[in-house]
Amino acid sequence: MNSVFIIILNYNGDKDTVACIDSLLNITYSPITVCVIDNGSERDSVDALNRYFDEIRPRFASFQTSQTAPIEKDKQNLIAVFNDDNLGFAAGNNVGARMALQAGFEYVLLLNNDTLVEPDFLEKLMTFCVSHPHYVAVTPKICLESPRNIIWNCGGKLTWFKNRKYYYPSSDVRKTPHTGFSDVSIITGCALLFKPKETGLLTEDFFFGEEDFEFSLRMKRQKKKMACVYDAVIYHKVGSTVNKTYPNTTGKLKLFYINRFIDIKNYYPKTWRLWVFINSTYAFFMIRLRYKVTLKRNLKLWFDVYREVKTKTDVSKEYFMHYMKTK
């Protein structure tokens, strides 16, 4: 069977990470390599992970903390990598993805640390991948962790106005397909099984956010196929790490649209102003109603977004932290 390299990124979320790995210990698919990338967490979180690794080490054929040590793909492996700094979502995951490529893995699974998995989820995904080798990326059906009968998303599609529309968001799981698959043109980094040799890695233009949208734009441009496999199921706590670490709603809204519009500008350099205008007009009223933002604050938000998008082509860590800390 094809060995799968599973990457779990941790940033001060050791409790979620432990729960995620615990659920992986019960899956029916093997062999797997579980690679935990700690993204410069505080000492307490690192110590908690190390204590946990000591407990579960006997469940794996090998345990290593070196990025350069050889990996035996036909065995169950546990790898722990501790970055000195917070590299961000894409760059942090890419540390593991490069290890997988160097070791010759065909399949890499990005799995959010705030997810829990059904025992057969990976078996279902890999059965699909083996029987549909022309698909380069797949995602499971992603339900909310609470309540578990509600869908978060099943992938989605890129809309004509350069936005994304998820399939079955907030739907009761009983009203969604239980078998089969759907082609998707939008896929989320929450649970992304992909072939890095064919797709490339995540873009590191964005410190946090937008990397999965760029991945989807890239796959569409290259005419590569992606799918959601409905009988593979996981559960997601949705924004557990980022919401705890960065509670500033206004900053998150600004960054979301700055990220998105920079991505649109990079992919559609001739028409990006049109797509930004269409998306921001809708978003202006949506934010006003949903978040009860005052007219003055809403106008200020969009002034900041437009000002930044005109001159920037990426979002660095320093820029990200500036907006997350700005009230």
C-alpha atoms as a PDB file:
ATOM      1  CA  MET A   1       0.000   0.000   0.000  1.00  0.00           C
ATOM      2  CA  ASN A   2       1.055   3.608  -0.559  1.00  0.00           C
ATOM      3  CA  SER A   3       2.531   5.148   2.550  1.00  0.00           C
ATOM      4  CA  VAL A   4       1.046   8.512   3.576  1.00  0.00           C
ATOM      5  CA  PHE A   5       3.002  11.337   5.212  1.00  0.00           C
ATOM      6  CA  ILE A   6       0.646  13.167   7.612  1.00  0.00           C
ATOM      7  CA  ILE A   7       1.603  16.675   8.725  1.00  0.00           C
ATOM      8  CA  ILE A   8       0.088  18.237  11.843  1.00  0.00           C
ATOM      9  CA  LEU A   9       1.073  21.828  12.630  1.00  0.00           C
ATOM     10  CA  ASN A  10       1.082  22.862  16.292  1.00  0.00           C
ATOM     11  CA  TYR A  11       1.210  26.373  17.675  1.00  0.00           C
ATOM     12  CA  ASN A  12       0.455  26.471  21.410  1.00  0.00           C
ATOM     13  CA  GLY A  13      -2.342  23.973  20.797  1.00  0.00           C
ATOM     14  CA  ASP A  14      -0.931  20.857  22.411  1.00  0.00           C
ATOM     15  CA  LYS A  15      -4.301  19.664  23.784  1.00  0.00           C
ATOM     16  CA  ASP A  16      -5.879  19.759  20.331  1.00  0.00           C
ATOM     17  CA  THR A  17      -2.782  18.185  18.775  1.00  0.00           C
ATOM     18  CA  VAL A  18      -2.783  15.317  21.279  1.00  0.00           C
ATOM     19  CA  ALA A  19      -6.472  14.646  20.642  1.00  0.00           C
ATOM     20  CA  CYS A  20      -5.873  14.690  16.876  1.00  0.00           C
ATOM     21  CA  ILE A  21      -3.017  12.184  17.090  1.00  0.00           C
ATOM     22  CA  ASP A  22      -5.028   9.987  19.464  1.00  0.00           C
ATOM     23  CA  SER A  23      -7.725   9.717  16.795  1.00  0.00           C
ATOM     24  CA  LEU A  24      -5.087   8.871  14.170  1.00  0.00           C
ATOM     25  CA  LEU A  25      -3.802   5.996  16.316  1.00  0.00           C
ATOM     26  CA  ASN A  26      -7.081   4.176  15.620  1.00  0.00           C
ATOM     27  CA  ILE A  27      -7.216   4.505  11.836  1.00  0.00           C
ATOM     28  CA  THR A  28      -7.483   1.418   9.654  1.00  0.00           C
ATOM     29  CA  TYR A  29      -4.933   2.520   7.045  1.00  0.00           C
ATOM     30  CA  SER A  30      -1.214   1.835   7.180  1.00  0.00           C
ATOM     31  CA  PRO A  31       1.614   2.546   6.836  1.00  0.00           C
ATOM     32  CA  ILE A  32       1.609   6.193   7.870  1.00  0.00           C
ATOM     33  CA  THR A  33       4.219   8.640   9.026  1.00  0.00           C
ATOM     34  CA  VAL A  34       2.870  11.202  11.500  1.00  0.00           C
ATOM     35  CA  CYS A  35       4.968  14.367  11.418  1.00  0.00           C
ATOM     36  CA  VAL A  36       4.216  16.998  14.054  1.00  0.00           C
ATOM     37  CA  ILE A  37       5.666  20.407  13.214  1.00  0.00           C
ATOM     38  CA  ASP A  38       5.770  22.697  16.239  1.00  0.00           C
ATOM     39  CA  ASN A  39       5.777  26.287  15.029  1.00  0.00           C
ATOM     40  CA  GLY A  40       7.755  27.978  17.802  1.00  0.00           C
ATOM     41  CA  SER A  41       5.289  27.297  20.622  1.00  0.00           C
ATOM     42  CA  GLU A  42       5.819  28.396  24.206  1.00  0.00           C
ATOM     43  CA  ARG A  43       7.795  26.107  26.497  1.00  0.00           C
ATOM     44  CA  ASP A  44       4.743  24.644  28.260  1.00  0.00           C
ATOM     45  CA  SER A  45       3.202  23.489  24.985  1.00  0.00           C
ATOM     46  CA  VAL A  46       6.491  21.965  23.806  1.00  0.00           C
ATOM     47  CA  ASP A  47       6.967  20.135  27.107  1.00  0.00           C
ATOM     48  CA  ALA A  48       3.424  18.765  26.956  1.00  0.00           C
ATOM     49  CA  LEU A  49       4.045  17.404  23.450  1.00  0.00           C
ATOM     50  CA  ASN A  50       7.315  15.788  24.473  1.00  0.00           C
ATOM     51  CA  ARG A  51       5.642  14.028  27.396  1.00  0.00           C
ATOM     52  CA  TYR A  52       2.953  12.759  25.036  1.00  0.00           C
ATOM     53  CA  PHE A  53       5.503  11.555  22.480  1.00  0.00           C
ATOM     54  CA  ASP A  54       7.197   9.520  25.226  1.00  0.00           C
ATOM     55  CA  GLU A  55       3.853   7.819  25.941  1.00  0.00           C
ATOM     56  CA  ILE A  56       2.975   6.886  22.361  1.00  0.00           C
ATOM     57  CA  ARG A  57       6.475   6.127  21.085  1.00  0.00           C
ATOM     58  CA  PRO A  58       5.961   2.324  21.482  1.00  0.00           C
ATOM     59  CA  ARG A  59       3.070   2.524  18.999  1.00  0.00           C
ATOM     60  CA  PHE A  60       5.481   3.428  16.183  1.00  0.00           C
ATOM     61  CA  ALA A  61       8.371   1.578  14.591  1.00  0.00           C
ATOM     62  CA  SER A  62      10.559   4.669  14.754  1.00  0.00           C
ATOM     63  CA  PHE A  63      10.614   8.057  16.433  1.00  0.00           C
ATOM     64  CA  GLN A  64      12.877  10.855  15.291  1.00  0.00           C
ATOM     65  CA  THR A  65      13.394  14.575  15.770  1.00  0.00           C
ATOM     66  CA  SER A  66      15.830  15.116  12.906  1.00  0.00           C
ATOM     67  CA  GLN A  67      14.694  16.588   9.610  1.00  0.00           C
ATOM     68  CA  THR A  68      17.465  14.802   7.743  1.00  0.00           C
ATOM     69  CA  ALA A  69      17.273  11.270   9.189  1.00  0.00           C
ATOM     70  CA  PRO A  70      16.172   8.607   6.650  1.00  0.00           C
ATOM     71  CA  ILE A  71      12.519   7.529   6.794  1.00  0.00           C
ATOM     72  CA  GLU A  72      11.445   3.940   6.132  1.00  0.00           C
ATOM     73  CA  LYS A  73       8.186   4.407   4.245  1.00  0.00           C
ATOM     74  CA  ASP A  74       6.950   0.865   4.829  1.00  0.00           C
ATOM     75  CA  LYS A  75       6.819   1.376   8.613  1.00  0.00           C
ATOM     76  CA  GLN A  76       4.770   3.416  11.070  1.00  0.00           C
ATOM     77  CA  ASN A  77       6.847   6.481  11.930  1.00  0.00           C
ATOM     78  CA  LEU A  78       6.482   9.385  14.325  1.00  0.00           C
ATOM     79  CA  ILE A  79       8.472  12.556  13.640  1.00  0.00           C
ATOM     80  CA  ALA A  80       8.640  15.665  15.821  1.00  0.00           C
ATOM     81  CA  VAL A  81      10.128  18.863  14.415  1.00  0.00           C
ATOM     82  CA  PHE A  82      10.490  21.924  16.631  1.00  0.00           C
ATOM     83  CA  ASN A  83      10.885  25.185  14.727  1.00  0.00           C
ATOM     84  CA  ASP A  84      12.648  27.999  16.545  1.00  0.00           C
ATOM     85  CA  ASP A  85      10.090  30.513  15.321  1.00  0.00           C
ATOM     86  CA  ASN A  86       6.501  30.682  14.112  1.00  0.00           C
ATOM     87  CA  LEU A  87       6.917  30.279  10.344  1.00  0.00           C
ATOM     88  CA  GLY A  88       3.221  30.615   9.576  1.00  0.00           C
ATOM     89  CA  PHE A  89       0.795  28.020   8.229  1.00  0.00           C
ATOM     90  CA  ALA A  90       2.190  27.425   4.751  1.00  0.00           C
ATOM     91  CA  ALA A  91       5.899  27.608   5.562  1.00  0.00           C
ATOM     92  CA  GLY A  92       5.407  25.468   8.672  1.00  0.00           C
ATOM     93  CA  ASN A  93       3.601  22.746   6.735  1.00  0.00           C
ATOM     94  CA  ASN A  94       6.132  22.963   3.919  1.00  0.00           C
ATOM     95  CA  VAL A  95       8.885  21.940   6.347  1.00  0.00           C
ATOM     96  CA  GLY A  96       7.162  18.567   6.595  1.00  0.00           C
ATOM     97  CA  ALA A  97       6.213  18.419   2.910  1.00  0.00           C
ATOM     98  CA  ARG A  98       9.848  18.849   1.877  1.00  0.00           C
ATOM     99  CA  MET A  99      10.821  16.006   4.208  1.00  0.00           C
ATOM    100  CA  ALA A 100       8.178  13.842   2.534  1.00  0.00           C
ATOM    101  CA  LEU A 101       9.450  14.690  -0.937  1.00  0.00           C
ATOM    102  CA  GLN A 102      13.029  13.992   0.061  1.00  0.00           C
ATOM    103  CA  ALA A 103      11.991  10.587   1.421  1.00  0.00           C
ATOM    104  CA  GLY A 104      10.071   9.753  -1.764  1.00  0.00           C
ATOM    105  CA  PHE A 105       6.470   9.865  -0.475  1.00  0.00           C
ATOM    106  CA  GLU A 106       3.849  10.204  -3.202  1.00  0.00           C
ATOM    107  CA  TYR A 107       1.040  11.307  -0.865  1.00  0.00           C
ATOM    108  CA  VAL A 108       1.065  14.025   1.797  1.00  0.00           C
ATOM    109  CA  LEU A 109      -1.879  14.805   4.076  1.00  0.00           C
ATOM    110  CA  LEU A 110      -2.166  18.202   5.725  1.00  0.00           C
ATOM    111  CA  LEU A 111      -4.364  17.824   8.797  1.00  0.00           C
ATOM    112  CA  ASN A 112      -5.325  20.665  11.114  1.00  0.00           C
ATOM    113  CA  ASN A 113      -4.411  19.958  14.712  1.00  0.00           C
ATOM    114  CA  ASP A 114      -7.980  20.865  15.772  1.00  0.00           C
ATOM    115  CA  THR A 115      -9.504  17.936  13.868  1.00  0.00           C
ATOM    116  CA  LEU A 116     -10.599  14.429  14.857  1.00  0.00           C
ATOM    117  CA  VAL A 117     -10.908  11.639  12.314  1.00  0.00           C
ATOM    118  CA  GLU A 118     -13.088   8.610  11.710  1.00  0.00           C
ATOM    119  CA  PRO A 119     -11.035   5.380  11.767  1.00  0.00           C
ATOM    120  CA  ASP A 120     -11.605   4.646   8.072  1.00  0.00           C
ATOM    121  CA  PHE A 121     -11.252   8.185   6.687  1.00  0.00           C
ATOM    122  CA  LEU A 122      -7.757   7.699   5.227  1.00  0.00           C
ATOM    123  CA  GLU A 123      -8.580   4.249   3.879  1.00  0.00           C
ATOM    124  CA  LYS A 124     -11.518   5.790   1.995  1.00  0.00           C
ATOM    125  CA  LEU A 125      -9.403   8.654   0.649  1.00  0.00           C
ATOM    126  CA  MET A 126      -6.606   6.384  -0.497  1.00  0.00           C
ATOM    127  CA  THR A 127      -8.996   3.894  -2.092  1.00  0.00           C
ATOM    128  CA  PHE A 128     -10.314   6.772  -4.179  1.00  0.00           C
ATOM    129  CA  CYS A 129      -6.818   8.044  -5.030  1.00  0.00           C
ATOM    130  CA  VAL A 130      -5.607   4.640  -6.184  1.00  0.00           C
ATOM    131  CA  SER A 131      -8.656   4.097  -8.382  1.00  0.00           C
ATOM    132  CA  HIS A 132      -8.595   7.692  -9.708  1.00  0.00           C
ATOM    133  CA  PRO A 133      -4.872   8.402 -10.212  1.00  0.00           C
ATOM    134  CA  HIS A 134      -5.511  11.492 -12.374  1.00  0.00           C
ATOM    135  CA  TYR A 135      -6.810  13.383  -9.304  1.00  0.00           C
ATOM    136  CA  VAL A 136      -3.967  15.265  -7.636  1.00  0.00           C
ATOM    137  CA  ALA A 137      -5.757  16.383  -4.434  1.00  0.00           C
ATOM    138  CA  VAL A 138      -8.732  15.200  -2.379  1.00  0.00           C
ATOM    139  CA  THR A 139     -10.539  16.204   0.787  1.00  0.00           C
ATOM    140  CA  PRO A 140     -12.892  14.298   3.099  1.00  0.00           C
ATOM    141  CA  LYS A 141     -16.335  15.411   4.191  1.00  0.00           C
ATOM    142  CA  ILE A 142     -15.568  17.856   7.016  1.00  0.00           C
ATOM    143  CA  CYS A 143     -18.150  18.085   9.797  1.00  0.00           C
ATOM    144  CA  LEU A 144     -18.141  20.381  12.781  1.00  0.00           C
ATOM    145  CA  GLU A 145     -16.736  18.780  15.914  1.00  0.00           C
ATOM    146  CA  SER A 146     -19.742  20.158  17.783  1.00  0.00           C
ATOM    147  CA  PRO A 147     -22.431  19.456  16.756  1.00  0.00           C
ATOM    148  CA  ARG A 148     -21.167  16.549  14.685  1.00  0.00           C
ATOM    149  CA  ASN A 149     -24.279  16.293  12.544  1.00  0.00           C
ATOM    150  CA  ILE A 150     -23.542  19.636  10.868  1.00  0.00           C
ATOM    151  CA  ILE A 151     -21.268  19.974   7.824  1.00  0.00           C
ATOM    152  CA  TRP A 152     -18.455  22.527   7.764  1.00  0.00           C
ATOM    153  CA  ASN A 153     -17.732  21.947   4.090  1.00  0.00           C
ATOM    154  CA  CYS A 154     -17.240  19.331   1.385  1.00  0.00           C
ATOM    155  CA  GLY A 155     -14.878  21.329  -0.745  1.00  0.00           C
ATOM    156  CA  GLY A 156     -16.461  23.791  -3.144  1.00  0.00           C
ATOM    157  CA  LYS A 157     -16.120  25.727  -6.357  1.00  0.00           C
ATOM    158  CA  LEU A 158     -14.527  28.929  -7.585  1.00  0.00           C
ATOM    159  CA  THR A 159     -17.240  31.377  -8.598  1.00  0.00           C
ATOM    160  CA  TRP A 160     -17.230  33.568 -11.692  1.00  0.00           C
ATOM    161  CA  PHE A 161     -16.537  36.643  -9.544  1.00  0.00           C
ATOM    162  CA  LYS A 162     -13.353  35.084  -8.091  1.00  0.00           C
ATOM    163  CA  ASN A 163     -14.743  33.974  -4.753  1.00  0.00           C
ATOM    164  CA  ARG A 164     -15.408  30.546  -3.262  1.00  0.00           C
ATOM    165  CA  LYS A 165     -18.649  28.710  -2.650  1.00  0.00           C
ATOM    166  CA  TYR A 166     -18.468  25.708  -0.345  1.00  0.00           C
ATOM    167  CA  TYR A 167     -20.638  22.647  -0.827  1.00  0.00           C
ATOM    168  CA  TYR A 168     -23.188  21.836   1.915  1.00  0.00           C
ATOM    169  CA  PRO A 169     -22.034  24.411   4.515  1.00  0.00           C
ATOM    170  CA  SER A 170     -24.099  24.248   7.733  1.00  0.00           C
ATOM    171  CA  SER A 171     -26.176  21.383   6.292  1.00  0.00           C
ATOM    172  CA  ASP A 172     -27.386  18.409   8.288  1.00  0.00           C
ATOM    173  CA  VAL A 173     -25.101  15.491   7.457  1.00  0.00           C
ATOM    174  CA  ARG A 174     -28.157  13.313   6.742  1.00  0.00           C
ATOM    175  CA  LYS A 175     -28.990  15.540   3.787  1.00  0.00           C
ATOM    176  CA  THR A 176     -25.595  15.149   2.127  1.00  0.00           C
ATOM    177  CA  PRO A 177     -24.202  12.265   0.055  1.00  0.00           C
ATOM    178  CA  HIS A 178     -22.747   9.355   2.058  1.00  0.00           C
ATOM    179  CA  THR A 179     -20.910   7.684  -0.814  1.00  0.00           C
ATOM    180  CA  GLY A 180     -19.270   8.684  -4.050  1.00  0.00           C
ATOM    181  CA  PHE A 181     -17.448  11.920  -4.772  1.00  0.00           C
ATOM    182  CA  SER A 182     -17.767  15.323  -6.375  1.00  0.00           C
ATOM    183  CA  ASP A 183     -15.248  17.259  -8.402  1.00  0.00           C
ATOM    184  CA  VAL A 184     -14.223  20.438  -6.592  1.00  0.00           C
ATOM    185  CA  SER A 185     -12.270  23.514  -7.621  1.00  0.00           C
ATOM    186  CA  ILE A 186     -11.880  24.815  -4.034  1.00  0.00           C
ATOM    187  CA  ILE A 187     -10.182  22.714  -1.394  1.00  0.00           C
ATOM    188  CA  THR A 188      -9.264  23.608   2.170  1.00  0.00           C
ATOM    189  CA  GLY A 189      -5.921  23.141   3.906  1.00  0.00           C
ATOM    190  CA  CYS A 190      -7.767  21.798   6.947  1.00  0.00           C
ATOM    191  CA  ALA A 191      -7.631  18.273   5.482  1.00  0.00           C
ATOM    192  CA  LEU A 192      -5.795  18.140   2.171  1.00  0.00           C
ATOM    193  CA  LEU A 193      -4.426  14.897   0.734  1.00  0.00           C
ATOM    194  CA  PHE A 194      -2.297  15.750  -2.280  1.00  0.00           C
ATOM    195  CA  LYS A 195       0.568  14.674  -4.526  1.00  0.00           C
ATOM    196  CA  PRO A 196       3.271  17.298  -3.939  1.00  0.00           C
ATOM    197  CA  LYS A 197       5.352  16.187  -6.928  1.00  0.00           C
ATOM    198  CA  GLU A 198       2.420  17.089  -9.193  1.00  0.00           C
ATOM    199  CA  THR A 199       0.920  20.066  -7.360  1.00  0.00           C
ATOM    200  CA  GLY A 200       3.907  21.759  -5.791  1.00  0.00           C
ATOM    201  CA  LEU A 201       3.864  22.992  -2.189  1.00  0.00           C
ATOM    202  CA  LEU A 202       1.754  25.662  -0.510  1.00  0.00           C
ATOM    203  CA  THR A 203       2.569  29.231  -1.412  1.00  0.00           C
ATOM    204  CA  GLU A 204       4.579  31.050   1.243  1.00  0.00           C
ATOM    205  CA  ASP A 205       3.431  34.477   0.059  1.00  0.00           C
ATOM    206  CA  PHE A 206       0.984  34.580   2.978  1.00  0.00           C
ATOM    207  CA  PHE A 207       1.962  34.112   6.609  1.00  0.00           C
ATOM    208  CA  PHE A 208      -1.471  32.771   7.548  1.00  0.00           C
ATOM    209  CA  GLY A 209      -4.565  32.294   5.429  1.00  0.00           C
ATOM    210  CA  GLU A 210      -5.210  32.203   1.671  1.00  0.00           C
ATOM    211  CA  GLU A 211      -2.695  29.446   0.931  1.00  0.00           C
ATOM    212  CA  ASP A 212      -5.487  26.964   0.133  1.00  0.00           C
ATOM    213  CA  PHE A 213      -7.265  29.482  -2.121  1.00  0.00           C
ATOM    214  CA  GLU A 214      -4.020  30.066  -4.024  1.00  0.00           C
ATOM    215  CA  PHE A 215      -3.506  26.288  -4.224  1.00  0.00           C
ATOM    216  CA  SER A 216      -6.992  25.975  -5.732  1.00  0.00           C
ATOM    217  CA  LEU A 217      -6.399  28.803  -8.215  1.00  0.00           C
ATOM    218  CA  ARG A 218      -3.150  27.133  -9.249  1.00  0.00           C
ATOM    219  CA  MET A 219      -4.776  23.726  -9.768  1.00  0.00           C
ATOM    220  CA  LYS A 220      -7.554  25.290 -11.865  1.00  0.00           C
ATOM    221  CA  ARG A 221      -5.061  27.195 -13.994  1.00  0.00           C
ATOM    222  CA  GLN A 222      -3.084  23.979 -14.531  1.00  0.00           C
ATOM    223  CA  LYS A 223      -6.317  22.034 -15.224  1.00  0.00           C
ATOM    224  CA  LYS A 224      -5.606  19.484 -12.498  1.00  0.00           C
ATOM    225  CA  LYS A 225      -8.455  17.596 -10.880  1.00  0.00           C
ATOM    226  CA  MET A 226      -9.523  17.644  -7.221  1.00  0.00           C
ATOM    227  CA  ALA A 227     -12.388  15.922  -5.409  1.00  0.00           C
ATOM    228  CA  CYS A 228     -14.319  15.555  -2.170  1.00  0.00           C
ATOM    229  CA  VAL A 229     -14.775  11.924  -1.094  1.00  0.00           C
ATOM    230  CA  TYR A 230     -18.075  11.726   0.779  1.00  0.00           C
ATOM    231  CA  ASP A 231     -17.593   8.497   2.727  1.00  0.00           C
ATOM    232  CA  ALA A 232     -14.358   9.810   4.290  1.00  0.00           C
ATOM    233  CA  VAL A 233     -15.314  11.862   7.356  1.00  0.00           C
ATOM    234  CA  ILE A 234     -13.474  14.055   9.849  1.00  0.00           C
ATOM    235  CA  TYR A 235     -14.540  16.633  12.452  1.00  0.00           C
ATOM    236  CA  HIS A 236     -13.206  20.172  12.780  1.00  0.00           C
ATOM    237  CA  LYS A 237     -13.275  22.563  15.733  1.00  0.00           C
ATOM    238  CA  VAL A 238     -12.994  25.482  13.245  1.00  0.00           C
ATOM    239  CA  GLY A 239     -10.468  28.189  14.004  1.00  0.00           C
ATOM    240  CA  SER A 240      -9.491  26.851  17.404  1.00  0.00           C
ATOM    241  CA  THR A 241      -5.855  28.018  17.328  1.00  0.00           C
ATOM    242  CA  VAL A 242      -6.217  31.311  15.491  1.00  0.00           C
ATOM    243  CA  ASN A 243      -9.273  32.442  17.459  1.00  0.00           C
ATOM    244  CA  LYS A 244      -7.575  31.790  20.796  1.00  0.00           C
ATOM    245  CA  THR A 245      -4.296  33.388  19.764  1.00  0.00           C
ATOM    246  CA  TYR A 246      -5.661  36.350  17.806  1.00  0.00           C
ATOM    247  CA  PRO A 247      -9.082  37.486  19.107  1.00  0.00           C
ATOM    248  CA  ASN A 248      -9.031  40.791  17.185  1.00  0.00           C
ATOM    249  CA  THR A 249     -12.004  40.476  14.808  1.00  0.00           C
ATOM    250  CA  THR A 250     -11.375  43.697  12.894  1.00  0.00           C
ATOM    251  CA  GLY A 251      -7.754  42.754  12.273  1.00  0.00           C
ATOM    252  CA  LYS A 252      -8.766  39.311  11.049  1.00  0.00           C
ATOM    253  CA  LEU A 253     -11.339  40.806   8.673  1.00  0.00           C
ATOM    254  CA  LYS A 254      -8.781  43.221   7.216  1.00  0.00           C
ATOM    255  CA  LEU A 255      -6.233  40.484   6.733  1.00  0.00           C
ATOM    256  CA  PHE A 256      -8.742  38.106   5.179  1.00  0.00           C
ATOM    257  CA  TYR A 257      -9.619  40.600   2.448  1.00  0.00           C
ATOM    258  CA  ILE A 258      -6.056  41.862   2.008  1.00  0.00           C
ATOM    259  CA  ASN A 259      -4.932  38.255   1.514  1.00  0.00           C
ATOM    260  CA  ARG A 260      -7.781  37.480  -0.849  1.00  0.00           C
ATOM    261  CA  PHE A 261      -7.440  40.596  -2.972  1.00  0.00           C
ATOM    262  CA  ILE A 262      -3.666  40.233  -3.264  1.00  0.00           C
ATOM    263  CA  ASP A 263      -4.241  36.686  -4.463  1.00  0.00           C
ATOM    264  CA  ILE A 264      -6.778  37.898  -7.023  1.00  0.00           C
ATOM    265  CA  LYS A 265      -4.396  40.658  -8.143  1.00  0.00           C
ATOM    266  CA  ASN A 266      -1.551  38.161  -8.577  1.00  0.00           C
ATOM    267  CA  TYR A 267      -3.667  35.794 -10.694  1.00  0.00           C
ATOM    268  CA  TYR A 268      -5.728  38.374 -12.619  1.00  0.00           C
ATOM    269  CA  PRO A 269      -3.399  41.381 -13.008  1.00  0.00           C
ATOM    270  CA  LYS A 270      -5.450  42.983 -15.802  1.00  0.00           C
ATOM    271  CA  THR A 271      -8.922  42.742 -14.250  1.00  0.00           C
ATOM    272  CA  TRP A 272      -8.285  42.534 -10.502  1.00  0.00           C
ATOM    273  CA  ARG A 273      -9.825  45.946  -9.754  1.00  0.00           C
ATOM    274  CA  LEU A 274     -13.170  44.790 -11.164  1.00  0.00           C
ATOM    275  CA  TRP A 275     -13.206  41.612  -9.047  1.00  0.00           C
ATOM    276  CA  VAL A 276     -12.113  43.525  -5.944  1.00  0.00           C
ATOM    277  CA  PHE A 277     -14.904  46.048  -6.467  1.00  0.00           C
ATOM    278  CA  ILE A 278     -17.559  43.333  -6.839  1.00  0.00           C
ATOM    279  CA  ASN A 279     -16.363  41.371  -3.811  1.00  0.00           C
ATOM    280  CA  SER A 280     -15.844  44.382  -1.552  1.00  0.00           C
ATOM    281  CA  THR A 281     -19.276  45.853  -2.349  1.00  0.00           C
ATOM    282  CA  TYR A 282     -20.942  42.667  -1.162  1.00  0.00           C
ATOM    283  CA  ALA A 283     -18.586  42.328   1.823  1.00  0.00           C
ATOM    284  CA  PHE A 284     -19.182  45.917   2.957  1.00  0.00           C
ATOM    285  CA  PHE A 285     -22.862  45.226   3.639  1.00  0.00           C
ATOM    286  CA  MET A 286     -22.228  41.709   4.955  1.00  0.00           C
ATOM    287  CA  ILE A 287     -19.770  42.995   7.581  1.00  0.00           C
ATOM    288  CA  ARG A 288     -22.124  45.826   8.533  1.00  0.00           C
ATOM    289  CA  LEU A 289     -24.950  43.379   9.235  1.00  0.00           C
ATOM    290  CA  ARG A 290     -23.085  40.391  10.630  1.00  0.00           C
ATOM    291  CA  TYR A 291     -20.561  42.099  12.894  1.00  0.00           C
ATOM    292  CA  LYS A 292     -22.562  45.266  13.692  1.00  0.00           C
ATOM    293  CA  VAL A 293     -19.559  47.364  12.671  1.00  0.00           C
ATOM    294  CA  THR A 294     -20.234  51.087  12.668  1.00  0.00           C
ATOM    295  CA  LEU A 295     -20.270  52.890   9.333  1.00  0.00           C
ATOM    296  CA  LYS A 296     -17.121  54.811  10.271  1.00  0.00           C
ATOM    297  CA  ARG A 297     -15.195  51.663  11.244  1.00  0.00           C
ATOM    298  CA  ASN A 298     -16.419  49.839   8.166  1.00  0.00           C
ATOM    299  CA  LEU A 299     -15.230  52.622   5.872  1.00  0.00           C
ATOM    300  CA  LYS A 300     -11.891  52.717   7.686  1.00  0.00           C
ATOM    301  CA  LEU A 301     -11.533  48.950   7.256  1.00  0.00           C
ATOM    302  CA  TRP A 302     -11.991  49.168   3.478  1.00  0.00           C
ATOM    303  CA  PHE A 303      -9.755  52.211   3.177  1.00  0.00           C
ATOM    304  CA  ASP A 304      -6.969  50.202   4.844  1.00  0.00           C
ATOM    305  CA  VAL A 305      -7.638  47.163   2.642  1.00  0.00           C
ATOM    306  CA  TYR A 306      -7.526  49.123  -0.647  1.00  0.00           C
ATOM    307  CA  ARG A 307      -4.434  51.056   0.393  1.00  0.00           C
ATOM    308  CA  GLU A 308      -2.491  47.887   1.146  1.00  0.00           C
ATOM    309  CA  VAL A 309      -3.659  45.807  -1.817  1.00  0.00           C
ATOM    310  CA  LYS A 310      -2.551  48.436  -4.345  1.00  0.00           C
ATOM    311  CA  THR A 311       1.113  48.126  -3.378  1.00  0.00           C
ATOM    312  CA  LYS A 312       1.613  44.661  -1.864  1.00  0.00           C
ATOM    313  CA  THR A 313       2.128  41.253  -3.463  1.00  0.00           C
ATOM    314  CA  ASP A 314       2.434  39.199  -0.243  1.00  0.00           C
ATOM    315  CA  VAL A 315       1.704  39.276   3.491  1.00  0.00           C
ATOM    316  CA  SER A 316       4.701  38.779   5.761  1.00  0.00           C
ATOM    317  CA  LYS A 317       4.719  37.702   9.392  1.00  0.00           C
ATOM    318  CA  GLU A 318       5.477  41.262  10.544  1.00  0.00           C
ATOM    319  CA  TYR A 319       2.566  42.606   8.516  1.00  0.00           C
ATOM    320  CA  PHE A 320       0.259  39.881   9.819  1.00  0.00           C
ATOM    321  CA  MET A 321       1.173  40.597  13.445  1.00  0.00           C
ATOM    322  CA  HIS A 322       0.671  44.327  12.943  1.00  0.00           C
ATOM    323  CA  TYR A 323      -2.940  43.876  11.859  1.00  0.00           C
ATOM    324  CA  MET A 324      -3.741  41.169  14.381  1.00  0.00           C
ATOM    325  CA  LYS A 325      -2.603  43.423  17.219  1.00  0.00           C
ATOM    326  CA  THR A 326      -4.291  46.564  15.886  1.00  0.00           C
ATOM    327  CA  LYS A 327      -7.661  47.226  17.487  1.00  0.00           C
END
